Amino acid sequence: MWVSEGSRGPSRNGGYRHVHTDVLLNTPVLAKPTKPAPPEIPAAIEIRNAVYRELIRISPATTYYPSLISGPDGLLSRGLTKSEIDRYGALPPLPKDRARLAQQLLEFVNRRFPNHARNHDGAGIIGIPGFWIDPSDRAPQLWKYEYNMPLLVVPYHDDQGRIQACQMRLHKADVPEGERRYRWLSSPYENKGCSSGTPIHFTFDPRTLPAGSTVVITEGALKADVFAFLRPAARAIATSGVACSHEQLITAAAPYHAFIAFDADHTTNPHVCRQLARLIAGREATHDQPGDQDDRGGRAGHSEHPCPIKGRRLRAEERLRQPPDSVPGVHQSAGDEGRQAHQGRG
């Protein structure tokens, strides 16, 4: 500067040196935000199955009988009997009550699977989707959010009848407008939590069902269970949503003829129609092999999907290009059995 007043003396270039004492010399350096730890790897299916079955045993749906069983939206209203409702569990609406369940289940898994517990420093609940560890006191937790009403726990069984994951059904009063009622019991974003993935659900053992038999593909494990209960001869495979797990569905249903019994809104909802067509196209593409015949003269692994437009049937790839309102009956439903067993979503 060229002002001498208040300076520390002249500088080499003929000006004057000034020192600004109001500037902090030790400016703190902001640390770079740390990335959250990746989710834990899910525990072995044997451990998940045991923990979820114990959860349903110590906290059955009958704990909240009026809300989850006998009420207008309860399991009995779906057509299930008292002998069937023991297959479903319940979660309390408050986190503190679920934390007590989590502690009981941690002690259970530590006793039942000591090697797994030792691998996680005594926190054997790590690796079970829906559970996580509070970093402040290392207490086990089960789901995170607070509700007004209890939650129904719906198990998803694999092709050997083991519970691989669970969904929760929220009470209508706890569902924000525009959001889904069903949520996976999953905890990938919590400390030491893990994801459930989006598995499919079986109401039967594929090892005992001959190839060429007929199965029903539908939405929601509870809906599939109700359908199979009301129609004991039926065999159902369920996905958690029309856009989920198509590859798993195609693989699971490959040996069989299939009825696709998604909800009826495929005729009005473009998204549902597109996903339905995508599933049909994927199934057709997988099984378009020459000489693939079943004992009745039809192609094994195929379903008829009558879609009359201008007097002809559409191939699956043609259906993908059709607007939903021009494809009435884009899939073959399960008929009266499906309509009776699948009233409402989920």
Foldseek 3Di string as FASTA:
>chain_A
DQDAPQFPAADPVGHTHHDDPVDDPCDDDDDDDDDDDFADAADDLVLLLVLVLVQLVVFPQCVVCCQADVDCPHPVVLVDDPVPRSQKGKDFQDFVRQLVVQQVSLVVSCVVPVVCCVVVVSRNCQNHFQWAADPVPRRITGHDHGDDGMWMWAFAADLVRGGQFIKTAADPVGAPPPDDRIDTSGDRPHHSTGGSAWDKHWPHRVVPDDFAAEAEEEADPSLQVLLCVVVVVHIYMYTPDLQPDLVVVLVVLQRYEYFYAYDPCLLPDQVSVLSVLVSLLVNCVVQPDPPQADPVGHHTSYYDQAFDDPRDRDDSVVSNPDGSNNGPRRTGHPPPSSVSNRPDHD
